[in-house]
Amino acid sequence: NIFTIYTMGWYRQAPGKQRELIATI
């Protein structure tokens, strides 16, 4: 259970592109 300790994020990686951070909490 780290969700209330650290800022967490959702990332995505499209084909041929770099992974990007799209949402944080």
mmCIF file of all heavy atoms, coordinates in Angstrom:
data_MODEL
# 
_entry.id   MODEL 
# 
loop_
_atom_site.group_PDB 
_atom_site.id 
_atom_site.type_symbol 
_atom_site.label_atom_id 
_atom_site.label_alt_id 
_atom_site.label_comp_id 
_atom_site.label_asym_id 
_atom_site.label_entity_id 
_atom_site.label_seq_id 
_atom_site.pdbx_PDB_ins_code 
_atom_site.Cartn_x 
_atom_site.Cartn_y 
_atom_site.Cartn_z 
_atom_site.occupancy 
_atom_site.B_iso_or_equiv 
_atom_site.pdbx_formal_charge 
_atom_site.auth_seq_id 
_atom_site.auth_comp_id 
_atom_site.auth_asym_id 
_atom_site.auth_atom_id 
_atom_site.pdbx_PDB_model_num 
ATOM 1   N N   . ASN A 1 1  ? 0.849  -1.198 0.000   1.00 0.00 ? 1  ASN A N   1 
ATOM 2   C CA  . ASN A 1 1  ? 0.000  0.000  0.000   1.00 0.00 ? 1  ASN A CA  1 
ATOM 3   C C   . ASN A 1 1  ? 0.884  1.248  0.000   1.00 0.00 ? 1  ASN A C   1 
ATOM 4   O O   . ASN A 1 1  ? 1.255  1.763  1.051   1.00 0.00 ? 1  ASN A O   1 
ATOM 5   C CB  . ASN A 1 1  ? -0.925 -0.004 1.207   1.00 0.00 ? 1  ASN A CB  1 
ATOM 6   C CG  . ASN A 1 1  ? -2.051 0.987  1.037   1.00 0.00 ? 1  ASN A CG  1 
ATOM 7   O OD1 . ASN A 1 1  ? -1.966 1.882  0.188   1.00 0.00 ? 1  ASN A OD1 1 
ATOM 8   N ND2 . ASN A 1 1  ? -3.089 0.852  1.833   1.00 0.00 ? 1  ASN A ND2 1 
ATOM 9   N N   . ILE A 1 2  ? 1.192  1.715  -1.207  1.00 0.00 ? 2  ILE A N   1 
ATOM 10  C CA  . ILE A 1 2  ? 2.053  2.896  -1.347  1.00 0.00 ? 2  ILE A CA  1 
ATOM 11  C C   . ILE A 1 2  ? 1.286  4.107  -1.854  1.00 0.00 ? 2  ILE A C   1 
ATOM 12  O O   . ILE A 1 2  ? 1.841  5.183  -2.002  1.00 0.00 ? 2  ILE A O   1 
ATOM 13  C CB  . ILE A 1 2  ? 3.240  2.614  -2.291  1.00 0.00 ? 2  ILE A CB  1 
ATOM 14  C CG1 . ILE A 1 2  ? 2.743  2.301  -3.710  1.00 0.00 ? 2  ILE A CG1 1 
ATOM 15  C CG2 . ILE A 1 2  ? 4.086  1.469  -1.758  1.00 0.00 ? 2  ILE A CG2 1 
ATOM 16  C CD1 . ILE A 1 2  ? 3.858  2.236  -4.726  1.00 0.00 ? 2  ILE A CD1 1 
ATOM 17  N N   . PHE A 1 3  ? -0.004 3.933  -2.117  1.00 0.00 ? 3  PHE A N   1 
ATOM 18  C CA  . PHE A 1 3  ? -0.752 4.998  -2.784  1.00 0.00 ? 3  PHE A CA  1 
ATOM 19  C C   . PHE A 1 3  ? -0.960 6.222  -1.902  1.00 0.00 ? 3  PHE A C   1 
ATOM 20  O O   . PHE A 1 3  ? -1.175 7.311  -2.401  1.00 0.00 ? 3  PHE A O   1 
ATOM 21  C CB  . PHE A 1 3  ? -2.098 4.467  -3.265  1.00 0.00 ? 3  PHE A CB  1 
ATOM 22  C CG  . PHE A 1 3  ? -1.968 3.402  -4.312  1.00 0.00 ? 3  PHE A CG  1 
ATOM 23  C CD1 . PHE A 1 3  ? -2.434 2.112  -4.095  1.00 0.00 ? 3  PHE A CD1 1 
ATOM 24  C CD2 . PHE A 1 3  ? -1.353 3.661  -5.526  1.00 0.00 ? 3  PHE A CD2 1 
ATOM 25  C CE1 . PHE A 1 3  ? -2.304 1.121  -5.054  1.00 0.00 ? 3  PHE A CE1 1 
ATOM 26  C CE2 . PHE A 1 3  ? -1.207 2.689  -6.491  1.00 0.00 ? 3  PHE A CE2 1 
ATOM 27  C CZ  . PHE A 1 3  ? -1.692 1.408  -6.257  1.00 0.00 ? 3  PHE A CZ  1 
ATOM 28  N N   . THR A 1 4  ? -0.919 6.054  -0.594  1.00 0.00 ? 4  THR A N   1 
ATOM 29  C CA  . THR A 1 4  ? -1.071 7.209  0.289   1.00 0.00 ? 4  THR A CA  1 
ATOM 30  C C   . THR A 1 4  ? 0.266  7.686  0.830   1.00 0.00 ? 4  THR A C   1 
ATOM 31  O O   . THR A 1 4  ? 0.313  8.525  1.733   1.00 0.00 ? 4  THR A O   1 
ATOM 32  C CB  . THR A 1 4  ? -2.008 6.874  1.461   1.00 0.00 ? 4  THR A CB  1 
ATOM 33  O OG1 . THR A 1 4  ? -1.505 5.717  2.142   1.00 0.00 ? 4  THR A OG1 1 
ATOM 34  C CG2 . THR A 1 4  ? -3.412 6.610  0.970   1.00 0.00 ? 4  THR A CG2 1 
ATOM 35  N N   . ILE A 1 5  ? 1.364  7.151  0.267   1.00 0.00 ? 5  ILE A N   1 
ATOM 36  C CA  . ILE A 1 5  ? 2.700  7.555  0.692   1.00 0.00 ? 5  ILE A CA  1 
ATOM 37  C C   . ILE A 1 5  ? 3.380  8.408  -0.382  1.00 0.00 ? 5  ILE A C   1 
ATOM 38  O O   . ILE A 1 5  ? 4.001  9.426  -0.079  1.00 0.00 ? 5  ILE A O   1 
ATOM 39  C CB  . ILE A 1 5  ? 3.567  6.319  0.990   1.00 0.00 ? 5  ILE A CB  1 
ATOM 40  C CG1 . ILE A 1 5  ? 2.940  5.484  2.114   1.00 0.00 ? 5  ILE A CG1 1 
ATOM 41  C CG2 . ILE A 1 5  ? 4.991  6.745  1.365   1.00 0.00 ? 5  ILE A CG2 1 
ATOM 42  C CD1 . ILE A 1 5  ? 3.634  4.170  2.346   1.00 0.00 ? 5  ILE A CD1 1 
ATOM 43  N N   . TYR A 1 6  ? 3.228  7.985  -1.636  1.00 0.00 ? 6  TYR A N   1 
ATOM 44  C CA  . TYR A 1 6  ? 3.910  8.636  -2.744  1.00 0.00 ? 6  TYR A CA  1 
ATOM 45  C C   . TYR A 1 6  ? 2.921  9.256  -3.723  1.00 0.00 ? 6  TYR A C   1 
ATOM 46  O O   . TYR A 1 6  ? 1.771  8.821  -3.809  1.00 0.00 ? 6  TYR A O   1 
ATOM 47  C CB  . TYR A 1 6  ? 4.760  7.625  -3.512  1.00 0.00 ? 6  TYR A CB  1 
ATOM 48  C CG  . TYR A 1 6  ? 5.809  6.932  -2.684  1.00 0.00 ? 6  TYR A CG  1 
ATOM 49  C CD1 . TYR A 1 6  ? 5.655  5.591  -2.338  1.00 0.00 ? 6  TYR A CD1 1 
ATOM 50  C CD2 . TYR A 1 6  ? 6.934  7.609  -2.246  1.00 0.00 ? 6  TYR A CD2 1 
ATOM 51  C CE1 . TYR A 1 6  ? 6.615  4.950  -1.572  1.00 0.00 ? 6  TYR A CE1 1 
ATOM 52  C CE2 . TYR A 1 6  ? 7.896  6.966  -1.486  1.00 0.00 ? 6  TYR A CE2 1 
ATOM 53  C CZ  . TYR A 1 6  ? 7.724  5.647  -1.151  1.00 0.00 ? 6  TYR A CZ  1 
ATOM 54  O OH  . TYR A 1 6  ? 8.677  5.010  -0.401  1.00 0.00 ? 6  TYR A OH  1 
ATOM 55  N N   . THR A 1 7  ? 3.388  10.199 -4.503  1.00 0.00 ? 7  THR A N   1 
ATOM 56  C CA  . THR A 1 7  ? 2.625  10.660 -5.660  1.00 0.00 ? 7  THR A CA  1 
ATOM 57  C C   . THR A 1 7  ? 2.719  9.574  -6.725  1.00 0.00 ? 7  THR A C   1 
ATOM 58  O O   . THR A 1 7  ? 3.821  9.157  -7.094  1.00 0.00 ? 7  THR A O   1 
ATOM 59  C CB  . THR A 1 7  ? 3.173  11.983 -6.198  1.00 0.00 ? 7  THR A CB  1 
ATOM 60  O OG1 . THR A 1 7  ? 3.009  12.986 -5.201  1.00 0.00 ? 7  THR A OG1 1 
ATOM 61  C CG2 . THR A 1 7  ? 2.432  12.403 -7.460  1.00 0.00 ? 7  THR A CG2 1 
ATOM 62  N N   . MET A 1 8  ? 1.578  9.118  -7.161  1.00 0.00 ? 8  MET A N   1 
ATOM 63  C CA  . MET A 1 8  ? 1.497  8.026  -8.122  1.00 0.00 ? 8  MET A CA  1 
ATOM 64  C C   . MET A 1 8  ? 1.011  8.554  -9.463  1.00 0.00 ? 8  MET A C   1 
ATOM 65  O O   . MET A 1 8  ? 0.402  9.625  -9.542  1.00 0.00 ? 8  MET A O   1 
ATOM 66  C CB  . MET A 1 8  ? 0.523  6.957  -7.610  1.00 0.00 ? 8  MET A CB  1 
ATOM 67  C CG  . MET A 1 8  ? 0.912  6.355  -6.283  1.00 0.00 ? 8  MET A CG  1 
ATOM 68  S SD  . MET A 1 8  ? 2.460  5.445  -6.354  1.00 0.00 ? 8  MET A SD  1 
ATOM 69  C CE  . MET A 1 8  ? 2.035  4.162  -7.536  1.00 0.00 ? 8  MET A CE  1 
ATOM 70  N N   . GLY A 1 9  ? 1.275  7.772  -10.487 1.00 0.00 ? 9  GLY A N   1 
ATOM 71  C CA  . GLY A 1 9  ? 0.874  8.215  -11.810 1.00 0.00 ? 9  GLY A CA  1 
ATOM 72  C C   . GLY A 1 9  ? 0.451  7.101  -12.734 1.00 0.00 ? 9  GLY A C   1 
ATOM 73  O O   . GLY A 1 9  ? 0.811  5.941  -12.545 1.00 0.00 ? 9  GLY A O   1 
ATOM 74  N N   . TRP A 1 10 ? -0.337 7.474  -13.705 1.00 0.00 ? 10 TRP A N   1 
ATOM 75  C CA  . TRP A 1 10 ? -0.635 6.621  -14.855 1.00 0.00 ? 10 TRP A CA  1 
ATOM 76  C C   . TRP A 1 10 ? 0.186  7.119  -16.028 1.00 0.00 ? 10 TRP A C   1 
ATOM 77  O O   . TRP A 1 10 ? 0.270  8.328  -16.273 1.00 0.00 ? 10 TRP A O   1 
ATOM 78  C CB  . TRP A 1 10 ? -2.118 6.666  -15.210 1.00 0.00 ? 10 TRP A CB  1 
ATOM 79  C CG  . TRP A 1 10 ? -2.971 5.790  -14.371 1.00 0.00 ? 10 TRP A CG  1 
ATOM 80  C CD1 . TRP A 1 10 ? -3.723 6.159  -13.300 1.00 0.00 ? 10 TRP A CD1 1 
ATOM 81  C CD2 . TRP A 1 10 ? -3.181 4.388  -14.540 1.00 0.00 ? 10 TRP A CD2 1 
ATOM 82  N NE1 . TRP A 1 10 ? -4.380 5.070  -12.786 1.00 0.00 ? 10 TRP A NE1 1 
ATOM 83  C CE2 . TRP A 1 10 ? -4.063 3.959  -13.534 1.00 0.00 ? 10 TRP A CE2 1 
ATOM 84  C CE3 . TRP A 1 10 ? -2.694 3.435  -15.446 1.00 0.00 ? 10 TRP A CE3 1 
ATOM 85  C CZ2 . TRP A 1 10 ? -4.490 2.641  -13.408 1.00 0.00 ? 10 TRP A CZ2 1 
ATOM 86  C CZ3 . TRP A 1 10 ? -3.120 2.130  -15.325 1.00 0.00 ? 10 TRP A CZ3 1 
ATOM 87  C CH2 . TRP A 1 10 ? -3.995 1.731  -14.314 1.00 0.00 ? 10 TRP A CH2 1 
ATOM 88  N N   . TYR A 1 11 ? 0.777  6.183  -16.736 1.00 0.00 ? 11 TYR A N   1 
ATOM 89  C CA  . TYR A 1 11 ? 1.601  6.462  -17.892 1.00 0.00 ? 11 TYR A CA  1 
ATOM 90  C C   . TYR A 1 11 ? 1.012  5.712  -19.095 1.00 0.00 ? 11 TYR A C   1 
ATOM 91  O O   . TYR A 1 11 ? 0.290  4.738  -18.931 1.00 0.00 ? 11 TYR A O   1 
ATOM 92  C CB  . TYR A 1 11 ? 3.020  5.945  -17.683 1.00 0.00 ? 11 TYR A CB  1 
ATOM 93  C CG  . TYR A 1 11 ? 3.784  6.562  -16.546 1.00 0.00 ? 11 TYR A CG  1 
ATOM 94  C CD1 . TYR A 1 11 ? 3.509  6.203  -15.222 1.00 0.00 ? 11 TYR A CD1 1 
ATOM 95  C CD2 . TYR A 1 11 ? 4.805  7.466  -16.781 1.00 0.00 ? 11 TYR A CD2 1 
ATOM 96  C CE1 . TYR A 1 11 ? 4.225  6.754  -14.172 1.00 0.00 ? 11 TYR A CE1 1 
ATOM 97  C CE2 . TYR A 1 11 ? 5.535  8.021  -15.734 1.00 0.00 ? 11 TYR A CE2 1 
ATOM 98  C CZ  . TYR A 1 11 ? 5.242  7.657  -14.442 1.00 0.00 ? 11 TYR A CZ  1 
ATOM 99  O OH  . TYR A 1 11 ? 5.964  8.201  -13.400 1.00 0.00 ? 11 TYR A OH  1 
ATOM 100 N N   . ARG A 1 12 ? 1.397  6.141  -20.281 1.00 0.00 ? 12 ARG A N   1 
ATOM 101 C CA  . ARG A 1 12 ? 1.046  5.387  -21.470 1.00 0.00 ? 12 ARG A CA  1 
ATOM 102 C C   . ARG A 1 12 ? 2.163  5.485  -22.495 1.00 0.00 ? 12 ARG A C   1 
ATOM 103 O O   . ARG A 1 12 ? 2.916  6.448  -22.520 1.00 0.00 ? 12 ARG A O   1 
ATOM 104 C CB  . ARG A 1 12 ? -0.275 5.856  -22.072 1.00 0.00 ? 12 ARG A CB  1 
ATOM 105 C CG  . ARG A 1 12 ? -0.247 7.240  -22.692 1.00 0.00 ? 12 ARG A CG  1 
ATOM 106 C CD  . ARG A 1 12 ? -1.644 7.612  -23.176 1.00 0.00 ? 12 ARG A CD  1 
ATOM 107 N NE  . ARG A 1 12 ? -1.672 8.928  -23.799 1.00 0.00 ? 12 ARG A NE  1 
ATOM 108 C CZ  . ARG A 1 12 ? -2.791 9.535  -24.190 1.00 0.00 ? 12 ARG A CZ  1 
ATOM 109 N NH1 . ARG A 1 12 ? -3.970 8.949  -23.991 1.00 0.00 ? 12 ARG A NH1 1 
ATOM 110 N NH2 . ARG A 1 12 ? -2.732 10.718 -24.759 1.00 0.00 ? 12 ARG A NH2 1 
ATOM 111 N N   . GLN A 1 13 ? 2.239  4.441  -23.312 1.00 0.00 ? 13 GLN A N   1 
ATOM 112 C CA  . GLN A 1 13 ? 3.233  4.408  -24.386 1.00 0.00 ? 13 GLN A CA  1 
ATOM 113 C C   . GLN A 1 13 ? 2.559  3.929  -25.652 1.00 0.00 ? 13 GLN A C   1 
ATOM 114 O O   . GLN A 1 13 ? 2.115  2.773  -25.727 1.00 0.00 ? 13 GLN A O   1 
ATOM 115 C CB  . GLN A 1 13 ? 4.408  3.506  -24.023 1.00 0.00 ? 13 GLN A CB  1 
ATOM 116 C CG  . GLN A 1 13 ? 5.532  3.557  -25.045 1.00 0.00 ? 13 GLN A CG  1 
ATOM 117 C CD  . GLN A 1 13 ? 6.803  2.901  -24.553 1.00 0.00 ? 13 GLN A CD  1 
ATOM 118 O OE1 . GLN A 1 13 ? 6.788  2.078  -23.641 1.00 0.00 ? 13 GLN A OE1 1 
ATOM 119 N NE2 . GLN A 1 13 ? 7.925  3.273  -25.142 1.00 0.00 ? 13 GLN A NE2 1 
ATOM 120 N N   . ALA A 1 14 ? 2.486  4.821  -26.616 1.00 0.00 ? 14 ALA A N   1 
ATOM 121 C CA  . ALA A 1 14 ? 1.929  4.481  -27.914 1.00 0.00 ? 14 ALA A CA  1 
ATOM 122 C C   . ALA A 1 14 ? 3.037  3.910  -28.798 1.00 0.00 ? 14 ALA A C   1 
ATOM 123 O O   . ALA A 1 14 ? 4.220  4.184  -28.566 1.00 0.00 ? 14 ALA A O   1 
ATOM 124 C CB  . ALA A 1 14 ? 1.324  5.711  -28.556 1.00 0.00 ? 14 ALA A CB  1 
ATOM 125 N N   . PRO A 1 15 ? 2.676  3.134  -29.813 1.00 0.00 ? 15 PRO A N   1 
ATOM 126 C CA  . PRO A 1 15 ? 3.688  2.552  -30.692 1.00 0.00 ? 15 PRO A CA  1 
ATOM 127 C C   . PRO A 1 15 ? 4.594  3.624  -31.291 1.00 0.00 ? 15 PRO A C   1 
ATOM 128 O O   . PRO A 1 15 ? 4.114  4.631  -31.810 1.00 0.00 ? 15 PRO A O   1 
ATOM 129 C CB  . PRO A 1 15 ? 2.858  1.873  -31.779 1.00 0.00 ? 15 PRO A CB  1 
ATOM 130 C CG  . PRO A 1 15 ? 1.571  1.567  -31.124 1.00 0.00 ? 15 PRO A CG  1 
ATOM 131 C CD  . PRO A 1 15 ? 1.314  2.690  -30.169 1.00 0.00 ? 15 PRO A CD  1 
ATOM 132 N N   . GLY A 1 16 ? 5.903  3.417  -31.180 1.00 0.00 ? 16 GLY A N   1 
ATOM 133 C CA  . GLY A 1 16 ? 6.861  4.350  -31.752 1.00 0.00 ? 16 GLY A CA  1 
ATOM 134 C C   . GLY A 1 16 ? 7.057  5.627  -30.973 1.00 0.00 ? 16 GLY A C   1 
ATOM 135 O O   . GLY A 1 16 ? 7.779  6.523  -31.440 1.00 0.00 ? 16 GLY A O   1 
ATOM 136 N N   . LYS A 1 17 ? 6.424  5.724  -29.795 1.00 0.00 ? 17 LYS A N   1 
ATOM 137 C CA  . LYS A 1 17 ? 6.542  6.948  -28.999 1.00 0.00 ? 17 LYS A CA  1 
ATOM 138 C C   . LYS A 1 17 ? 7.121  6.630  -27.628 1.00 0.00 ? 17 LYS A C   1 
ATOM 139 O O   . LYS A 1 17 ? 7.097  5.486  -27.176 1.00 0.00 ? 17 LYS A O   1 
ATOM 140 C CB  . LYS A 1 17 ? 5.186  7.625  -28.854 1.00 0.00 ? 17 LYS A CB  1 
ATOM 141 C CG  . LYS A 1 17 ? 4.613  8.138  -30.162 1.00 0.00 ? 17 LYS A CG  1 
ATOM 142 C CD  . LYS A 1 17 ? 3.375  8.977  -29.925 1.00 0.00 ? 17 LYS A CD  1 
ATOM 143 C CE  . LYS A 1 17 ? 2.866  9.560  -31.239 1.00 0.00 ? 17 LYS A CE  1 
ATOM 144 N NZ  . LYS A 1 17 ? 1.654  10.406 -31.021 1.00 0.00 ? 17 LYS A NZ  1 
ATOM 145 N N   . GLN A 1 18 ? 7.588  7.661  -26.952 1.00 0.00 ? 18 GLN A N   1 
ATOM 146 C CA  . GLN A 1 18 ? 8.106  7.494  -25.601 1.00 0.00 ? 18 GLN A CA  1 
ATOM 147 C C   . GLN A 1 18 ? 6.963  7.375  -24.612 1.00 0.00 ? 18 GLN A C   1 
ATOM 148 O O   . GLN A 1 18 ? 5.856  7.866  -24.837 1.00 0.00 ? 18 GLN A O   1 
ATOM 149 C CB  . GLN A 1 18 ? 8.982  8.694  -25.222 1.00 0.00 ? 18 GLN A CB  1 
ATOM 150 C CG  . GLN A 1 18 ? 10.315 8.733  -25.930 1.00 0.00 ? 18 GLN A CG  1 
ATOM 151 C CD  . GLN A 1 18 ? 11.244 9.788  -25.341 1.00 0.00 ? 18 GLN A CD  1 
ATOM 152 O OE1 . GLN A 1 18 ? 10.796 10.801 -24.808 1.00 0.00 ? 18 GLN A OE1 1 
ATOM 153 N NE2 . GLN A 1 18 ? 12.536 9.537  -25.421 1.00 0.00 ? 18 GLN A NE2 1 
ATOM 154 N N   . ARG A 1 19 ? 7.238  6.720  -23.506 1.00 0.00 ? 19 ARG A N   1 
ATOM 155 C CA  . ARG A 1 19 ? 6.255  6.621  -22.432 1.00 0.00 ? 19 ARG A CA  1 
ATOM 156 C C   . ARG A 1 19 ? 6.038  8.008  -21.852 1.00 0.00 ? 19 ARG A C   1 
ATOM 157 O O   . ARG A 1 19 ? 6.997  8.749  -21.634 1.00 0.00 ? 19 ARG A O   1 
ATOM 158 C CB  . ARG A 1 19 ? 6.756  5.660  -21.367 1.00 0.00 ? 19 ARG A CB  1 
ATOM 159 C CG  . ARG A 1 19 ? 5.763  5.314  -20.309 1.00 0.00 ? 19 ARG A CG  1 
ATOM 160 C CD  . ARG A 1 19 ? 6.000  3.985  -19.616 1.00 0.00 ? 19 ARG A CD  1 
ATOM 161 N NE  . ARG A 1 19 ? 7.287  3.401  -19.791 1.00 0.00 ? 19 ARG A NE  1 
ATOM 162 C CZ  . ARG A 1 19 ? 7.541  2.104  -19.613 1.00 0.00 ? 19 ARG A CZ  1 
ATOM 163 N NH1 . ARG A 1 19 ? 6.554  1.284  -19.278 1.00 0.00 ? 19 ARG A NH1 1 
ATOM 164 N NH2 . ARG A 1 19 ? 8.752  1.629  -19.771 1.00 0.00 ? 19 ARG A NH2 1 
ATOM 165 N N   . GLU A 1 20 ? 4.767  8.353  -21.612 1.00 0.00 ? 20 GLU A N   1 
ATOM 166 C CA  . GLU A 1 20 ? 4.450  9.672  -21.081 1.00 0.00 ? 20 GLU A CA  1 
ATOM 167 C C   . GLU A 1 20 ? 3.570  9.543  -19.849 1.00 0.00 ? 20 GLU A C   1 
ATOM 168 O O   . GLU A 1 20 ? 2.735  8.656  -19.747 1.00 0.00 ? 20 GLU A O   1 
ATOM 169 C CB  . GLU A 1 20 ? 3.731  10.525 -22.142 1.00 0.00 ? 20 GLU A CB  1 
ATOM 170 C CG  . GLU A 1 20 ? 2.421  9.964  -22.632 1.00 0.00 ? 20 GLU A CG  1 
ATOM 171 C CD  . GLU A 1 20 ? 1.637  10.898 -23.552 1.00 0.00 ? 20 GLU A CD  1 
ATOM 172 O OE1 . GLU A 1 20 ? 1.857  12.122 -23.472 1.00 0.00 ? 20 GLU A OE1 1 
ATOM 173 O OE2 . GLU A 1 20 ? 0.787  10.400 -24.308 1.00 0.00 ? 20 GLU A OE2 1 
ATOM 174 N N   . LEU A 1 21 ? 3.775  10.483 -18.931 1.00 0.00 ? 21 LEU A N   1 
ATOM 175 C CA  . LEU A 1 21 ? 2.965  10.561 -17.719 1.00 0.00 ? 21 LEU A CA  1 
ATOM 176 C C   . LEU A 1 21 ? 1.712  11.357 -18.031 1.00 0.00 ? 21 LEU A C   1 
ATOM 177 O O   . LEU A 1 21 ? 1.807  12.500 -18.491 1.00 0.00 ? 21 LEU A O   1 
ATOM 178 C CB  . LEU A 1 21 ? 3.778  11.232 -16.608 1.00 0.00 ? 21 LEU A CB  1 
ATOM 179 C CG  . LEU A 1 21 ? 3.108  11.447 -15.261 1.00 0.00 ? 21 LEU A CG  1 
ATOM 180 C CD1 . LEU A 1 21 ? 2.729  10.122 -14.615 1.00 0.00 ? 21 LEU A CD1 1 
ATOM 181 C CD2 . LEU A 1 21 ? 4.046  12.233 -14.332 1.00 0.00 ? 21 LEU A CD2 1 
ATOM 182 N N   . ILE A 1 22 ? 0.535  10.775 -17.777 1.00 0.00 ? 22 ILE A N   1 
ATOM 183 C CA  . ILE A 1 22 ? -0.692 11.451 -18.179 1.00 0.00 ? 22 ILE A CA  1 
ATOM 184 C C   . ILE A 1 22 ? -1.575 11.861 -17.009 1.00 0.00 ? 22 ILE A C   1 
ATOM 185 O O   . ILE A 1 22 ? -2.438 12.728 -17.169 1.00 0.00 ? 22 ILE A O   1 
ATOM 186 C CB  . ILE A 1 22 ? -1.516 10.588 -19.165 1.00 0.00 ? 22 ILE A CB  1 
ATOM 187 C CG1 . ILE A 1 22 ? -1.855 9.237  -18.536 1.00 0.00 ? 22 ILE A CG1 1 
ATOM 188 C CG2 . ILE A 1 22 ? -0.782 10.436 -20.483 1.00 0.00 ? 22 ILE A CG2 1 
ATOM 189 C CD1 . ILE A 1 22 ? -2.884 8.441  -19.333 1.00 0.00 ? 22 ILE A CD1 1 
ATOM 190 N N   . ALA A 1 23 ? -1.410 11.252 -15.862 1.00 0.00 ? 23 ALA A N   1 
ATOM 191 C CA  . ALA A 1 23 ? -2.248 11.600 -14.711 1.00 0.00 ? 23 ALA A CA  1 
ATOM 192 C C   . ALA A 1 23 ? -1.498 11.279 -13.433 1.00 0.00 ? 23 ALA A C   1 
ATOM 193 O O   . ALA A 1 23 ? -0.784 10.271 -13.372 1.00 0.00 ? 23 ALA A O   1 
ATOM 194 C CB  . ALA A 1 23 ? -3.570 10.835 -14.743 1.00 0.00 ? 23 ALA A CB  1 
ATOM 195 N N   . THR A 1 24 ? -1.667 12.132 -12.430 1.00 0.00 ? 24 THR A N   1 
ATOM 196 C CA  . THR A 1 24 ? -1.009 11.924 -11.143 1.00 0.00 ? 24 THR A CA  1 
ATOM 197 C C   . THR A 1 24 ? -1.997 12.134 -10.001 1.00 0.00 ? 24 THR A C   1 
ATOM 198 O O   . THR A 1 24 ? -2.996 12.854 -10.144 1.00 0.00 ? 24 THR A O   1 
ATOM 199 C CB  . THR A 1 24 ? 0.171  12.885 -10.934 1.00 0.00 ? 24 THR A CB  1 
ATOM 200 O OG1 . THR A 1 24 ? -0.296 14.227 -11.030 1.00 0.00 ? 24 THR A OG1 1 
ATOM 201 C CG2 . THR A 1 24 ? 1.273  12.652 -11.947 1.00 0.00 ? 24 THR A CG2 1 
ATOM 202 N N   . ILE A 1 25 ? -1.690 11.508 -8.872  1.00 0.00 ? 25 ILE A N   1 
ATOM 203 C CA  . ILE A 1 25 ? -2.453 11.732 -7.645  1.00 0.00 ? 25 ILE A CA  1 
ATOM 204 C C   . ILE A 1 25 ? -1.466 11.738 -6.498  1.00 0.00 ? 25 ILE A C   1 
ATOM 205 O O   . ILE A 1 25 ? -0.663 10.813 -6.347  1.00 0.00 ? 25 ILE A O   1 
ATOM 206 C CB  . ILE A 1 25 ? -3.576 10.681 -7.480  1.00 0.00 ? 25 ILE A CB  1 
ATOM 207 C CG1 . ILE A 1 25 ? -4.428 10.998 -6.253  1.00 0.00 ? 25 ILE A CG1 1 
ATOM 208 C CG2 . ILE A 1 25 ? -3.024 9.265  -7.439  1.00 0.00 ? 25 ILE A CG2 1 
ATOM 209 C CD1 . ILE A 1 25 ? -5.746 10.224 -6.220  1.00 0.00 ? 25 ILE A CD1 1 
# 
